[in-house]
Amino acid sequence: MKDMVKRAGNISVSGNIILFAAKLVAGIATGSLAIVADAWHTLSDSISSVILLVGNKKAKKPADHEHPFGHGRAELVSSVMIGTILGMVAIDFTMEAIKKLFSPHAPRYSITAIAIIAVSILAKELMAQYAFYAARKTGSAAVKADGWHHRSDALSSLILLAGIILAGSIPYADSILALIISALIALTAYHILRDAISPLIGESPERETEKNIQDIVDKHQDSKEKIHHLHIHRYGDHTEATFHIVLDGKTSLENAHKTASDIEKDIRKELNIEATIHVEPFDDWQDEK
């Protein structure tokens, strides 16, 4: 599965460098800020893919003394870096587009430039589809972020192509198209940063996960009381859970330990989650309620 992440990153880097060079030449030849912005959007894909590969390599490292839960969150950090790069690209081209509005010109788009943009749309969407497929197979947040980066580039190129065809001779059209592309880049950056930062900060457990854990606990817990103080900590492929269970106050320490250990083993086997359980006597828990 990890090889698929690496393959997706390699395809992204090589493909984006080729597309960047072609778009940049076309943008300079036509004098179009919108095409140049689209070219740098594509290049930022390569930068993000390099970050993806580095983050994936870091995430594969096993747990050590300084990082007892592994390095899985390195991919989330990679996603934050990708989102930040996109945000910086959006700001830069927004400022350039605004400047161009005060000195408008109508670029002369060649058939070759239009063909390059059309090919880019198809290539970027194919790259996005492969990245999404790899993300579903591996569960990698960084690969998913890279896929959305490809998709945003394909959409920005599609808008650019439509704008060239519909308003290629209007002096302000190029700046307006550049602003639209910048807005799309900024929107993508927002979604990537939101999806990466939220789990880094910490999220509430999903209802399905909570239900699955409760079902396992019910097999071992006579009181059938709900678990509480459930916290889920995700570290890439490794997930930790901590929660409290309620047992009869007359239960011996040995039996309480066995019950907790059996629950932890079942959770590990069925949900691939490492659990740490705190046991409470029923009477004390009732007083707390």
C-alpha atoms as a PDB file:
ATOM      1  CA  MET A   1       0.000   0.000   0.000  1.00  0.00           C
ATOM      2  CA  LYS A   2       2.820   2.386   0.877  1.00  0.00           C
ATOM      3  CA  ASP A   3       4.365   1.687  -2.548  1.00  0.00           C
ATOM      4  CA  MET A   4       1.152   3.029  -4.077  1.00  0.00           C
ATOM      5  CA  VAL A   5       1.641   6.312  -2.205  1.00  0.00           C
ATOM      6  CA  LYS A   6       5.188   6.534  -3.524  1.00  0.00           C
ATOM      7  CA  ARG A   7       4.028   5.732  -7.069  1.00  0.00           C
ATOM      8  CA  ALA A   8       1.334   8.420  -6.895  1.00  0.00           C
ATOM      9  CA  GLY A   9       3.933  10.951  -5.759  1.00  0.00           C
ATOM     10  CA  ASN A  10       6.386  10.014  -8.525  1.00  0.00           C
ATOM     11  CA  ILE A  11       3.714  10.253 -11.225  1.00  0.00           C
ATOM     12  CA  SER A  12       2.662  13.623  -9.852  1.00  0.00           C
ATOM     13  CA  VAL A  13       6.183  15.073  -9.784  1.00  0.00           C
ATOM     14  CA  SER A  14       7.174  13.981 -13.301  1.00  0.00           C
ATOM     15  CA  GLY A  15       3.816  14.847 -14.882  1.00  0.00           C
ATOM     16  CA  ASN A  16       3.589  18.269 -13.265  1.00  0.00           C
ATOM     17  CA  ILE A  17       7.104  19.319 -14.274  1.00  0.00           C
ATOM     18  CA  ILE A  18       6.334  18.534 -17.916  1.00  0.00           C
ATOM     19  CA  LEU A  19       2.996  20.373 -17.790  1.00  0.00           C
ATOM     20  CA  PHE A  20       4.546  23.351 -15.963  1.00  0.00           C
ATOM     21  CA  ALA A  21       7.223  23.788 -18.640  1.00  0.00           C
ATOM     22  CA  ALA A  22       4.667  23.608 -21.455  1.00  0.00           C
ATOM     23  CA  LYS A  23       2.259  26.072 -19.788  1.00  0.00           C
ATOM     24  CA  LEU A  24       5.013  28.506 -18.839  1.00  0.00           C
ATOM     25  CA  VAL A  25       6.311  28.650 -22.421  1.00  0.00           C
ATOM     26  CA  ALA A  26       2.749  29.182 -23.673  1.00  0.00           C
ATOM     27  CA  GLY A  27       2.079  31.887 -21.064  1.00  0.00           C
ATOM     28  CA  ILE A  28       5.253  33.825 -21.834  1.00  0.00           C
ATOM     29  CA  ALA A  29       4.718  33.503 -25.598  1.00  0.00           C
ATOM     30  CA  THR A  30       1.173  34.898 -25.366  1.00  0.00           C
ATOM     31  CA  GLY A  31       1.840  37.390 -22.547  1.00  0.00           C
ATOM     32  CA  SER A  32      -0.977  35.856 -20.499  1.00  0.00           C
ATOM     33  CA  LEU A  33      -0.794  36.222 -16.703  1.00  0.00           C
ATOM     34  CA  ALA A  34      -3.626  33.701 -16.378  1.00  0.00           C
ATOM     35  CA  ILE A  35      -1.648  30.990 -18.209  1.00  0.00           C
ATOM     36  CA  VAL A  36       1.507  31.789 -16.225  1.00  0.00           C
ATOM     37  CA  ALA A  37      -0.528  31.576 -12.984  1.00  0.00           C
ATOM     38  CA  ASP A  38      -1.917  28.248 -14.134  1.00  0.00           C
ATOM     39  CA  ALA A  39       1.629  27.069 -14.867  1.00  0.00           C
ATOM     40  CA  TRP A  40       2.836  27.942 -11.360  1.00  0.00           C
ATOM     41  CA  HIS A  41      -0.265  26.291  -9.932  1.00  0.00           C
ATOM     42  CA  THR A  42       0.877  23.148 -11.720  1.00  0.00           C
ATOM     43  CA  LEU A  43       4.441  23.521 -10.443  1.00  0.00           C
ATOM     44  CA  SER A  44       3.145  23.865  -6.904  1.00  0.00           C
ATOM     45  CA  ASP A  45       1.679  20.384  -7.435  1.00  0.00           C
ATOM     46  CA  SER A  46       5.213  19.090  -7.926  1.00  0.00           C
ATOM     47  CA  ILE A  47       6.393  20.827  -4.769  1.00  0.00           C
ATOM     48  CA  SER A  48       3.478  19.378  -2.815  1.00  0.00           C
ATOM     49  CA  SER A  49       4.171  15.922  -4.245  1.00  0.00           C
ATOM     50  CA  VAL A  50       7.798  16.098  -3.086  1.00  0.00           C
ATOM     51  CA  ILE A  51       6.520  17.038   0.372  1.00  0.00           C
ATOM     52  CA  LEU A  52       4.085  14.112   0.105  1.00  0.00           C
ATOM     53  CA  LEU A  53       6.895  11.653  -0.658  1.00  0.00           C
ATOM     54  CA  VAL A  54       9.044  12.975   2.190  1.00  0.00           C
ATOM     55  CA  GLY A  55       6.080  12.890   4.593  1.00  0.00           C
ATOM     56  CA  ASN A  56       5.170   9.362   3.526  1.00  0.00           C
ATOM     57  CA  LYS A  57       8.750   8.167   4.091  1.00  0.00           C
ATOM     58  CA  LYS A  58       8.749   9.770   7.533  1.00  0.00           C
ATOM     59  CA  ALA A  59       5.344   8.248   8.357  1.00  0.00           C
ATOM     60  CA  LYS A  60       6.657   4.736   7.592  1.00  0.00           C
ATOM     61  CA  LYS A  61       9.267   4.960  10.345  1.00  0.00           C
ATOM     62  CA  PRO A  62       8.422   2.688  13.290  1.00  0.00           C
ATOM     63  CA  ALA A  63       7.796   3.933  16.810  1.00  0.00           C
ATOM     64  CA  ASP A  64      10.861   4.907  18.806  1.00  0.00           C
ATOM     65  CA  HIS A  65      11.717   6.240  22.253  1.00  0.00           C
ATOM     66  CA  GLU A  66      10.901   9.848  21.332  1.00  0.00           C
ATOM     67  CA  HIS A  67       7.790   8.946  19.302  1.00  0.00           C
ATOM     68  CA  PRO A  68       6.125   5.965  21.038  1.00  0.00           C
ATOM     69  CA  PHE A  69       3.019   6.173  18.815  1.00  0.00           C
ATOM     70  CA  GLY A  70       4.968   6.135  15.547  1.00  0.00           C
ATOM     71  CA  HIS A  71       5.313   8.859  12.922  1.00  0.00           C
ATOM     72  CA  GLY A  72       1.929   8.553  11.174  1.00  0.00           C
ATOM     73  CA  ARG A  73       1.006  12.206  11.701  1.00  0.00           C
ATOM     74  CA  ALA A  74       3.906  13.225   9.459  1.00  0.00           C
ATOM     75  CA  GLU A  75       1.468  12.867   6.545  1.00  0.00           C
ATOM     76  CA  LEU A  76      -0.910  15.338   8.170  1.00  0.00           C
ATOM     77  CA  VAL A  77       1.985  17.750   8.607  1.00  0.00           C
ATOM     78  CA  SER A  78       2.725  17.252   4.889  1.00  0.00           C
ATOM     79  CA  SER A  79      -0.876  18.177   4.093  1.00  0.00           C
ATOM     80  CA  VAL A  80      -0.544  21.372   6.146  1.00  0.00           C
ATOM     81  CA  MET A  81       2.569  22.297   4.174  1.00  0.00           C
ATOM     82  CA  ILE A  82       0.788  21.596   0.861  1.00  0.00           C
ATOM     83  CA  GLY A  83      -2.148  23.791   1.906  1.00  0.00           C
ATOM     84  CA  THR A  84       0.194  26.585   2.984  1.00  0.00           C
ATOM     85  CA  ILE A  85       2.037  26.524  -0.356  1.00  0.00           C
ATOM     86  CA  LEU A  86      -1.272  26.734  -2.201  1.00  0.00           C
ATOM     87  CA  GLY A  87      -2.363  29.679  -0.066  1.00  0.00           C
ATOM     88  CA  MET A  88       0.861  31.565  -0.818  1.00  0.00           C
ATOM     89  CA  VAL A  89       0.472  30.900  -4.558  1.00  0.00           C
ATOM     90  CA  ALA A  90      -3.116  32.208  -4.445  1.00  0.00           C
ATOM     91  CA  ILE A  91      -2.112  35.414  -2.652  1.00  0.00           C
ATOM     92  CA  ASP A  92       0.781  36.099  -5.048  1.00  0.00           C
ATOM     93  CA  PHE A  93      -1.265  35.766  -8.222  1.00  0.00           C
ATOM     94  CA  THR A  94      -4.206  37.683  -6.760  1.00  0.00           C
ATOM     95  CA  MET A  95      -1.902  40.659  -6.198  1.00  0.00           C
ATOM     96  CA  GLU A  96      -0.437  40.353  -9.704  1.00  0.00           C
ATOM     97  CA  ALA A  97      -3.903  40.107 -11.276  1.00  0.00           C
ATOM     98  CA  ILE A  98      -5.080  43.232  -9.439  1.00  0.00           C
ATOM     99  CA  LYS A  99      -2.037  45.139 -10.711  1.00  0.00           C
ATOM    100  CA  LYS A 100      -2.797  44.019 -14.275  1.00  0.00           C
ATOM    101  CA  LEU A 101      -6.343  45.367 -13.980  1.00  0.00           C
ATOM    102  CA  PHE A 102      -4.880  48.885 -13.944  1.00  0.00           C
ATOM    103  CA  SER A 103      -2.844  48.226 -17.107  1.00  0.00           C
ATOM    104  CA  PRO A 104      -5.009  45.825 -19.102  1.00  0.00           C
ATOM    105  CA  HIS A 105      -3.993  44.129 -22.329  1.00  0.00           C
ATOM    106  CA  ALA A 106      -5.461  41.374 -24.486  1.00  0.00           C
ATOM    107  CA  PRO A 107      -3.003  38.479 -24.953  1.00  0.00           C
ATOM    108  CA  ARG A 108      -2.834  36.780 -28.324  1.00  0.00           C
ATOM    109  CA  TYR A 109      -3.610  33.127 -27.701  1.00  0.00           C
ATOM    110  CA  SER A 110      -2.173  30.709 -30.251  1.00  0.00           C
ATOM    111  CA  ILE A 111      -3.702  27.377 -31.237  1.00  0.00           C
ATOM    112  CA  THR A 112      -0.677  25.697 -29.660  1.00  0.00           C
ATOM    113  CA  ALA A 113      -1.304  27.424 -26.308  1.00  0.00           C
ATOM    114  CA  ILE A 114      -4.968  26.405 -26.353  1.00  0.00           C
ATOM    115  CA  ALA A 115      -4.002  22.791 -27.193  1.00  0.00           C
ATOM    116  CA  ILE A 116      -1.508  22.706 -24.294  1.00  0.00           C
ATOM    117  CA  ILE A 117      -4.192  23.846 -21.850  1.00  0.00           C
ATOM    118  CA  ALA A 118      -6.666  21.269 -23.194  1.00  0.00           C
ATOM    119  CA  VAL A 119      -4.146  18.429 -22.831  1.00  0.00           C
ATOM    120  CA  SER A 120      -3.307  19.682 -19.338  1.00  0.00           C
ATOM    121  CA  ILE A 121      -6.962  19.447 -18.263  1.00  0.00           C
ATOM    122  CA  LEU A 122      -7.155  15.797 -19.306  1.00  0.00           C
ATOM    123  CA  ALA A 123      -3.776  14.888 -17.797  1.00  0.00           C
ATOM    124  CA  LYS A 124      -4.505  16.574 -14.458  1.00  0.00           C
ATOM    125  CA  GLU A 125      -7.894  14.915 -14.084  1.00  0.00           C
ATOM    126  CA  LEU A 126      -6.342  11.501 -14.775  1.00  0.00           C
ATOM    127  CA  MET A 127      -3.693  12.241 -12.132  1.00  0.00           C
ATOM    128  CA  ALA A 128      -6.413  13.305  -9.685  1.00  0.00           C
ATOM    129  CA  GLN A 129      -8.379  10.113 -10.264  1.00  0.00           C
ATOM    130  CA  TYR A 130      -5.299   7.974  -9.599  1.00  0.00           C
ATOM    131  CA  ALA A 131      -4.472   9.944  -6.438  1.00  0.00           C
ATOM    132  CA  PHE A 132      -8.038   9.511  -5.113  1.00  0.00           C
ATOM    133  CA  TYR A 133      -7.859   5.785  -5.900  1.00  0.00           C
ATOM    134  CA  ALA A 134      -4.532   5.500  -4.054  1.00  0.00           C
ATOM    135  CA  ALA A 135      -5.954   7.480  -1.110  1.00  0.00           C
ATOM    136  CA  ARG A 136      -8.943   5.102  -0.831  1.00  0.00           C
ATOM    137  CA  LYS A 137      -6.631   2.088  -0.881  1.00  0.00           C
ATOM    138  CA  THR A 138      -4.069   3.453   1.590  1.00  0.00           C
ATOM    139  CA  GLY A 139      -6.140   5.842   3.728  1.00  0.00           C
ATOM    140  CA  SER A 140      -3.470   8.524   3.172  1.00  0.00           C
ATOM    141  CA  ALA A 141      -4.663  12.077   3.906  1.00  0.00           C
ATOM    142  CA  ALA A 142      -1.658  13.528   2.088  1.00  0.00           C
ATOM    143  CA  VAL A 143      -2.392  11.573  -1.122  1.00  0.00           C
ATOM    144  CA  LYS A 144      -6.006  12.747  -0.957  1.00  0.00           C
ATOM    145  CA  ALA A 145      -4.776  16.332  -0.552  1.00  0.00           C
ATOM    146  CA  ASP A 146      -2.525  15.859  -3.580  1.00  0.00           C
ATOM    147  CA  GLY A 147      -5.515  14.551  -5.538  1.00  0.00           C
ATOM    148  CA  TRP A 148      -7.543  17.652  -4.725  1.00  0.00           C
ATOM    149  CA  HIS A 149      -4.561  19.733  -5.798  1.00  0.00           C
ATOM    150  CA  HIS A 150      -4.618  17.966  -9.194  1.00  0.00           C
ATOM    151  CA  ARG A 151      -8.399  18.448  -9.427  1.00  0.00           C
ATOM    152  CA  SER A 152      -8.156  22.166  -8.639  1.00  0.00           C
ATOM    153  CA  ASP A 153      -5.505  22.547 -11.341  1.00  0.00           C
ATOM    154  CA  ALA A 154      -7.717  20.758 -13.867  1.00  0.00           C
ATOM    155  CA  LEU A 155     -10.672  23.008 -12.961  1.00  0.00           C
ATOM    156  CA  SER A 156      -8.596  26.186 -13.131  1.00  0.00           C
ATOM    157  CA  SER A 157      -7.289  25.159 -16.554  1.00  0.00           C
ATOM    158  CA  LEU A 158     -10.857  24.409 -17.686  1.00  0.00           C
ATOM    159  CA  ILE A 159     -12.002  27.876 -16.602  1.00  0.00           C
ATOM    160  CA  LEU A 160      -8.957  29.367 -18.318  1.00  0.00           C
ATOM    161  CA  LEU A 161      -9.734  27.537 -21.556  1.00  0.00           C
ATOM    162  CA  ALA A 162     -13.379  28.640 -21.458  1.00  0.00           C
ATOM    163  CA  GLY A 163     -12.319  32.226 -20.773  1.00  0.00           C
ATOM    164  CA  ILE A 164      -9.869  32.229 -23.668  1.00  0.00           C
ATOM    165  CA  ILE A 165     -12.534  30.973 -26.055  1.00  0.00           C
ATOM    166  CA  LEU A 166     -15.307  33.279 -24.808  1.00  0.00           C
ATOM    167  CA  ALA A 167     -13.408  36.460 -23.947  1.00  0.00           C
ATOM    168  CA  GLY A 168      -9.921  36.154 -25.385  1.00  0.00           C
ATOM    169  CA  SER A 169      -9.997  39.587 -27.032  1.00  0.00           C
ATOM    170  CA  ILE A 170     -11.268  41.547 -24.007  1.00  0.00           C
ATOM    171  CA  PRO A 171      -8.399  43.509 -22.323  1.00  0.00           C
ATOM    172  CA  TYR A 172      -9.562  42.801 -18.757  1.00  0.00           C
ATOM    173  CA  ALA A 173     -10.332  39.126 -19.394  1.00  0.00           C
ATOM    174  CA  ASP A 174      -6.839  37.816 -18.618  1.00  0.00           C
ATOM    175  CA  SER A 175      -6.715  39.523 -15.206  1.00  0.00           C
ATOM    176  CA  ILE A 176     -10.224  38.350 -14.344  1.00  0.00           C
ATOM    177  CA  LEU A 177      -9.315  34.784 -15.311  1.00  0.00           C
ATOM    178  CA  ALA A 178      -6.183  35.001 -13.148  1.00  0.00           C
ATOM    179  CA  LEU A 179      -8.310  36.177 -10.198  1.00  0.00           C
ATOM    180  CA  ILE A 180     -10.728  33.267 -10.687  1.00  0.00           C
ATOM    181  CA  ILE A 181      -7.843  30.785 -10.788  1.00  0.00           C
ATOM    182  CA  SER A 182      -6.368  32.349  -7.645  1.00  0.00           C
ATOM    183  CA  ALA A 183      -9.724  32.014  -5.867  1.00  0.00           C
ATOM    184  CA  LEU A 184      -9.905  28.318  -6.791  1.00  0.00           C
ATOM    185  CA  ILE A 185      -6.379  27.782  -5.496  1.00  0.00           C
ATOM    186  CA  ALA A 186      -7.253  29.552  -2.231  1.00  0.00           C
ATOM    187  CA  LEU A 187     -10.423  27.454  -1.810  1.00  0.00           C
ATOM    188  CA  THR A 188      -8.453  24.248  -2.285  1.00  0.00           C
ATOM    189  CA  ALA A 189      -5.867  25.444   0.247  1.00  0.00           C
ATOM    190  CA  TYR A 190      -8.642  26.080   2.770  1.00  0.00           C
ATOM    191  CA  HIS A 191     -10.113  22.576   2.420  1.00  0.00           C
ATOM    192  CA  ILE A 192      -6.701  20.883   2.634  1.00  0.00           C
ATOM    193  CA  LEU A 193      -5.702  22.870   5.736  1.00  0.00           C
ATOM    194  CA  ARG A 194      -9.078  22.265   7.395  1.00  0.00           C
ATOM    195  CA  ASP A 195      -8.946  18.506   6.823  1.00  0.00           C
ATOM    196  CA  ALA A 196      -5.354  18.236   8.066  1.00  0.00           C
ATOM    197  CA  ILE A 197      -5.414  20.611  11.031  1.00  0.00           C
ATOM    198  CA  SER A 198      -8.606  19.230  12.574  1.00  0.00           C
ATOM    199  CA  PRO A 199      -7.209  15.732  13.338  1.00  0.00           C
ATOM    200  CA  LEU A 200      -3.892  17.251  14.427  1.00  0.00           C
ATOM    201  CA  ILE A 201      -5.711  19.318  17.046  1.00  0.00           C
ATOM    202  CA  GLY A 202      -7.929  16.377  18.030  1.00  0.00           C
ATOM    203  CA  GLU A 203     -11.477  15.375  17.097  1.00  0.00           C
ATOM    204  CA  SER A 204     -14.420  13.765  18.826  1.00  0.00           C
ATOM    205  CA  PRO A 205     -14.706  10.013  18.152  1.00  0.00           C
ATOM    206  CA  GLU A 206     -16.984   9.007  15.308  1.00  0.00           C
ATOM    207  CA  ARG A 207     -20.342   7.587  16.400  1.00  0.00           C
ATOM    208  CA  GLU A 208     -19.713   4.356  14.529  1.00  0.00           C
ATOM    209  CA  THR A 209     -16.385   3.860  16.301  1.00  0.00           C
ATOM    210  CA  GLU A 210     -17.980   4.572  19.682  1.00  0.00           C
ATOM    211  CA  LYS A 211     -20.785   2.090  18.962  1.00  0.00           C
ATOM    212  CA  ASN A 212     -18.347  -0.628  17.870  1.00  0.00           C
ATOM    213  CA  ILE A 213     -16.330  -0.216  21.061  1.00  0.00           C
ATOM    214  CA  GLN A 214     -19.493  -0.247  23.180  1.00  0.00           C
ATOM    215  CA  ASP A 215     -20.659  -3.465  21.499  1.00  0.00           C
ATOM    216  CA  ILE A 216     -17.362  -5.150  22.375  1.00  0.00           C
ATOM    217  CA  VAL A 217     -17.502  -3.905  25.968  1.00  0.00           C
ATOM    218  CA  ASP A 218     -21.075  -5.195  26.360  1.00  0.00           C
ATOM    219  CA  LYS A 219     -19.850  -8.734  25.676  1.00  0.00           C
ATOM    220  CA  HIS A 220     -17.696  -8.584  28.803  1.00  0.00           C
ATOM    221  CA  GLN A 221     -19.539  -6.133  31.070  1.00  0.00           C
ATOM    222  CA  ASP A 222     -22.460  -7.486  33.117  1.00  0.00           C
ATOM    223  CA  SER A 223     -23.796  -4.058  34.109  1.00  0.00           C
ATOM    224  CA  LYS A 224     -24.206  -3.027  30.454  1.00  0.00           C
ATOM    225  CA  GLU A 225     -23.441   0.569  31.468  1.00  0.00           C
ATOM    226  CA  LYS A 226     -22.235   2.931  28.784  1.00  0.00           C
ATOM    227  CA  ILE A 227     -18.548   3.584  28.430  1.00  0.00           C
ATOM    228  CA  HIS A 228     -17.508   7.183  29.102  1.00  0.00           C
ATOM    229  CA  HIS A 229     -14.518   9.510  28.783  1.00  0.00           C
ATOM    230  CA  LEU A 230     -13.814   7.976  25.367  1.00  0.00           C
ATOM    231  CA  HIS A 231     -10.903   9.613  23.536  1.00  0.00           C
ATOM    232  CA  ILE A 232      -9.525   8.529  20.173  1.00  0.00           C
ATOM    233  CA  HIS A 233      -5.978   9.446  19.132  1.00  0.00           C
ATOM    234  CA  ARG A 234      -5.001   8.781  15.519  1.00  0.00           C
ATOM    235  CA  TYR A 235      -1.387   8.534  14.360  1.00  0.00           C
ATOM    236  CA  GLY A 236      -1.689   7.620  10.695  1.00  0.00           C
ATOM    237  CA  ASP A 237      -2.247   3.846  10.548  1.00  0.00           C
ATOM    238  CA  HIS A 238      -1.953   3.561  14.337  1.00  0.00           C
ATOM    239  CA  THR A 239      -4.950   4.423  16.554  1.00  0.00           C
ATOM    240  CA  GLU A 240      -5.111   4.621  20.359  1.00  0.00           C
ATOM    241  CA  ALA A 241      -8.281   4.731  22.488  1.00  0.00           C
ATOM    242  CA  THR A 242      -8.748   5.499  26.179  1.00  0.00           C
ATOM    243  CA  PHE A 243     -12.034   5.172  28.060  1.00  0.00           C
ATOM    244  CA  HIS A 244     -13.701   4.195  31.352  1.00  0.00           C
ATOM    245  CA  ILE A 245     -15.848   1.134  32.013  1.00  0.00           C
ATOM    246  CA  VAL A 246     -18.076   0.367  35.011  1.00  0.00           C
ATOM    247  CA  LEU A 247     -17.894  -2.932  36.939  1.00  0.00           C
ATOM    248  CA  ASP A 248     -19.515  -4.244  40.095  1.00  0.00           C
ATOM    249  CA  GLY A 249     -17.687  -2.803  43.102  1.00  0.00           C
ATOM    250  CA  LYS A 250     -17.308  -6.321  44.529  1.00  0.00           C
ATOM    251  CA  THR A 251     -15.311  -7.486  41.525  1.00  0.00           C
ATOM    252  CA  SER A 252     -11.812  -8.580  42.543  1.00  0.00           C
ATOM    253  CA  LEU A 253      -8.798  -6.713  41.213  1.00  0.00           C
ATOM    254  CA  GLU A 254      -7.735  -9.822  39.337  1.00  0.00           C
ATOM    255  CA  ASN A 255     -11.106 -10.216  37.590  1.00  0.00           C
ATOM    256  CA  ALA A 256     -11.333  -6.503  36.818  1.00  0.00           C
ATOM    257  CA  HIS A 257      -7.891  -6.644  35.229  1.00  0.00           C
ATOM    258  CA  LYS A 258      -8.858  -9.733  33.205  1.00  0.00           C
ATOM    259  CA  THR A 259     -12.068  -8.067  31.969  1.00  0.00           C
ATOM    260  CA  ALA A 260     -10.208  -4.941  30.877  1.00  0.00           C
ATOM    261  CA  SER A 261      -7.482  -7.011  29.196  1.00  0.00           C
ATOM    262  CA  ASP A 262     -10.026  -9.155  27.329  1.00  0.00           C
ATOM    263  CA  ILE A 263     -11.813  -6.021  26.073  1.00  0.00           C
ATOM    264  CA  GLU A 264      -8.511  -4.532  24.933  1.00  0.00           C
ATOM    265  CA  LYS A 265      -7.619  -7.719  23.047  1.00  0.00           C
ATOM    266  CA  ASP A 266     -11.007  -7.832  21.281  1.00  0.00           C
ATOM    267  CA  ILE A 267     -10.780  -4.141  20.315  1.00  0.00           C
ATOM    268  CA  ARG A 268      -7.291  -4.729  18.939  1.00  0.00           C
ATOM    269  CA  LYS A 269      -8.465  -7.776  16.973  1.00  0.00           C
ATOM    270  CA  GLU A 270     -11.755  -6.400  15.630  1.00  0.00           C
ATOM    271  CA  LEU A 271     -11.030  -2.666  15.241  1.00  0.00           C
ATOM    272  CA  ASN A 272      -7.230  -2.516  15.025  1.00  0.00           C
ATOM    273  CA  ILE A 273      -7.221  -0.012  17.914  1.00  0.00           C
ATOM    274  CA  GLU A 274      -4.912  -0.120  20.919  1.00  0.00           C
ATOM    275  CA  ALA A 275      -7.107   0.549  23.980  1.00  0.00           C
ATOM    276  CA  THR A 276      -6.237   1.641  27.511  1.00  0.00           C
ATOM    277  CA  ILE A 277      -9.117   1.135  29.951  1.00  0.00           C
ATOM    278  CA  HIS A 278      -9.809   2.701  33.328  1.00  0.00           C
ATOM    279  CA  VAL A 279     -12.090   0.613  35.577  1.00  0.00           C
ATOM    280  CA  GLU A 280     -14.625   2.245  37.914  1.00  0.00           C
ATOM    281  CA  PRO A 281     -16.811   0.556  40.586  1.00  0.00           C
ATOM    282  CA  PHE A 282     -20.528   0.911  39.920  1.00  0.00           C
ATOM    283  CA  ASP A 283     -21.311   2.733  43.208  1.00  0.00           C
ATOM    284  CA  ASP A 284     -18.663   5.415  42.698  1.00  0.00           C
ATOM    285  CA  TRP A 285     -19.827   5.978  39.125  1.00  0.00           C
ATOM    286  CA  GLN A 286     -23.414   6.400  40.315  1.00  0.00           C
ATOM    287  CA  ASP A 287     -22.283   9.053  42.825  1.00  0.00           C
ATOM    288  CA  GLU A 288     -20.471  10.963  40.061  1.00  0.00           C
ATOM    289  CA  LYS A 289     -23.656  10.988  37.973  1.00  0.00           C
END
